[in-house]
Amino acid sequence: MIVTAWVAVAVALLWLVIGIGLSMLLVKVYDIIVFRKFDLQEAIEGRNSAVAIFFSLMLLGIGLVVAATIMSPGTGVSLVNDIVLTIGWSVGVSFVATLLFFAFDILLVPKIKLQEAISNGNIAAGILSGVLYVAVSVVAMAVIMS
């Protein structure tokens, strides 16, 4: 009985580390690779609230997807398989959200270049873009949990 409790605690801690680590890693990857118009570290040091809001909401959205995959029923195959599925869903949904960000930029607000606007401190652009990530993530959570 005690061994089972320790195993449960160890697995819970493993999921905690995976969830938080994966969420932060994906935000950092998008900071470096996709959103090159601004650097998160530099923007925070420069007190750019729009960038902080955007990346915070992106982190929240990715974290919601990671949480949904962790909470969803496992496949029963193995812990490793469940971890791979969590990583896959997280990467996939964040990729889709990023594509929608660029589509949104081109189709719905063609007079505004969102990356530039966020980089220049446009808080409205930061909120709008960040909420797009959260909205995509909430829909993805429903898919994952169903």
Protein backbone atom coordinates (compact mmCIF):
# COMPACT_ATOMS: atom_id res chain seq x y z
CA MET A 1 0.00 0.00 0.00
CA ILE A 2 2.80 2.47 0.86
CA VAL A 3 4.71 1.55 -2.30
CA THR A 4 1.60 2.23 -4.39
CA ALA A 5 1.20 5.66 -2.81
CA TRP A 6 4.85 6.52 -3.55
CA VAL A 7 4.44 5.38 -7.15
CA ALA A 8 1.34 7.57 -7.51
CA VAL A 9 3.23 10.56 -6.09
CA ALA A 10 6.18 9.90 -8.42
CA VAL A 11 3.91 9.65 -11.47
CA ALA A 12 2.08 12.85 -10.45
CA LEU A 13 5.40 14.69 -10.08
CA LEU A 14 6.51 13.35 -13.45
CA TRP A 15 3.36 14.72 -15.11
CA LEU A 16 3.83 18.04 -13.31
CA VAL A 17 7.37 18.40 -14.62
CA ILE A 18 6.35 17.28 -18.12
CA GLY A 19 3.36 19.63 -18.22
CA ILE A 20 5.12 22.74 -16.98
CA GLY A 21 8.31 21.99 -18.89
CA LEU A 22 6.52 21.29 -22.16
CA SER A 23 4.41 24.45 -21.86
CA MET A 24 7.43 26.66 -21.22
CA LEU A 25 9.51 24.93 -23.90
CA LEU A 26 6.86 25.46 -26.58
CA VAL A 27 6.53 29.14 -25.72
CA LYS A 28 10.31 29.52 -25.92
CA VAL A 29 10.46 27.67 -29.25
CA TYR A 30 7.79 29.96 -30.70
CA ASP A 31 9.65 32.96 -29.27
CA ILE A 32 12.84 31.92 -31.08
CA ILE A 33 11.54 30.41 -34.32
CA VAL A 34 8.15 31.87 -35.20
CA PHE A 35 7.76 35.28 -33.62
CA ARG A 36 11.05 36.83 -34.64
CA LYS A 37 9.76 40.38 -34.71
CA PHE A 38 10.22 40.50 -30.97
CA ASP A 39 12.32 38.76 -28.36
CA LEU A 40 10.47 37.86 -25.19
CA GLN A 41 13.40 38.57 -22.87
CA GLU A 42 14.14 41.91 -24.52
CA ALA A 43 10.47 42.89 -24.56
CA ILE A 44 10.04 42.16 -20.86
CA GLU A 45 13.18 44.12 -20.02
CA GLY A 46 11.75 46.99 -22.11
CA ARG A 47 8.41 46.74 -20.28
CA ASN A 48 6.45 45.91 -23.43
CA SER A 49 3.10 44.90 -21.94
CA ALA A 50 1.69 43.78 -25.30
CA VAL A 51 4.39 41.14 -25.72
CA ALA A 52 4.01 40.03 -22.10
CA ILE A 53 0.24 39.68 -22.49
CA PHE A 54 0.57 37.80 -25.78
CA PHE A 55 3.11 35.29 -24.51
CA SER A 56 1.29 34.89 -21.19
CA LEU A 57 -1.92 34.00 -22.97
CA MET A 58 -0.03 31.69 -25.31
CA LEU A 59 1.47 29.94 -22.27
CA LEU A 60 -2.00 29.66 -20.75
CA GLY A 61 -3.42 28.18 -23.95
CA ILE A 62 -0.64 25.64 -24.31
CA GLY A 63 -0.93 24.80 -20.61
CA LEU A 64 -4.66 24.15 -21.01
CA VAL A 65 -3.98 21.66 -23.81
CA VAL A 66 -1.27 19.93 -21.80
CA ALA A 67 -3.64 19.76 -18.81
CA ALA A 68 -6.42 18.29 -20.95
CA THR A 69 -4.15 15.55 -22.29
CA ILE A 70 -2.96 14.73 -18.79
CA MET A 71 -6.56 14.59 -17.49
CA SER A 72 -7.91 12.58 -20.41
CA PRO A 73 -8.15 8.85 -20.02
CA GLY A 74 -4.88 7.17 -20.88
CA THR A 75 -4.57 4.71 -23.70
CA GLY A 76 -3.74 1.95 -21.27
CA VAL A 77 -0.77 0.97 -23.42
CA SER A 78 1.97 2.58 -21.34
CA LEU A 79 3.01 5.72 -19.54
CA VAL A 80 5.48 6.43 -22.34
CA ASN A 81 2.68 6.25 -24.93
CA ASP A 82 0.59 8.70 -22.89
CA ILE A 83 3.55 11.09 -22.61
CA VAL A 84 4.10 10.93 -26.39
CA LEU A 85 0.41 11.68 -26.98
CA THR A 86 0.60 14.64 -24.59
CA ILE A 87 3.60 16.04 -26.45
CA GLY A 88 1.95 15.40 -29.82
CA TRP A 89 -1.31 17.13 -28.91
CA SER A 90 0.53 20.07 -27.34
CA VAL A 91 2.79 20.63 -30.34
CA GLY A 92 -0.05 20.08 -32.80
CA VAL A 93 -2.49 22.46 -31.15
CA SER A 94 0.11 25.19 -30.66
CA PHE A 95 1.03 24.82 -34.35
CA VAL A 96 -2.62 25.15 -35.39
CA ALA A 97 -3.01 28.20 -33.14
CA THR A 98 0.04 29.76 -34.75
CA LEU A 99 -1.34 29.13 -38.24
CA LEU A 100 -4.62 30.72 -37.18
CA PHE A 101 -2.69 33.70 -35.80
CA PHE A 102 -1.17 34.30 -39.24
CA ALA A 103 -4.48 33.64 -41.04
CA PHE A 104 -6.23 36.01 -38.66
CA ASP A 105 -3.56 38.61 -39.35
CA ILE A 106 -3.98 38.34 -43.13
CA LEU A 107 -7.75 37.83 -43.42
CA LEU A 108 -9.42 39.62 -40.54
CA VAL A 109 -7.12 42.54 -39.76
CA PRO A 110 -5.25 43.06 -43.05
CA LYS A 111 -4.38 46.69 -42.25
CA ILE A 112 -2.56 45.64 -39.08
CA LYS A 113 0.56 43.49 -38.95
CA LEU A 114 0.02 41.82 -35.60
CA GLN A 115 3.65 40.93 -34.89
CA GLU A 116 4.75 44.50 -35.54
CA ALA A 117 1.84 45.92 -33.57
CA ILE A 118 2.64 43.70 -30.60
CA SER A 119 6.32 44.51 -30.89
CA ASN A 120 5.46 48.22 -30.84
CA GLY A 121 3.50 47.79 -27.62
CA ASN A 122 -0.05 47.65 -29.03
CA ILE A 123 -1.81 46.06 -26.06
CA ALA A 124 -5.03 45.51 -28.03
CA ALA A 125 -3.11 43.44 -30.60
CA GLY A 126 -1.40 41.48 -27.81
CA ILE A 127 -4.69 40.67 -26.09
CA LEU A 128 -6.50 39.80 -29.31
CA SER A 129 -3.70 37.52 -30.50
CA GLY A 130 -3.27 35.86 -27.12
CA VAL A 131 -6.97 35.20 -26.73
CA LEU A 132 -6.90 33.55 -30.16
CA TYR A 133 -4.42 31.03 -28.71
CA VAL A 134 -6.61 30.46 -25.66
CA ALA A 135 -9.75 30.02 -27.80
CA VAL A 136 -8.06 27.43 -30.01
CA SER A 137 -6.80 25.67 -26.90
CA VAL A 138 -10.23 25.55 -25.27
CA VAL A 139 -11.72 23.96 -28.39
CA ALA A 140 -8.80 21.51 -28.50
CA MET A 141 -9.44 20.66 -24.83
CA ALA A 142 -13.00 19.70 -25.69
CA VAL A 143 -11.76 17.46 -28.49
CA ILE A 144 -9.13 15.85 -26.26
CA MET A 145 -11.53 15.28 -23.36
CA SER A 146 -14.30 13.79 -25.52
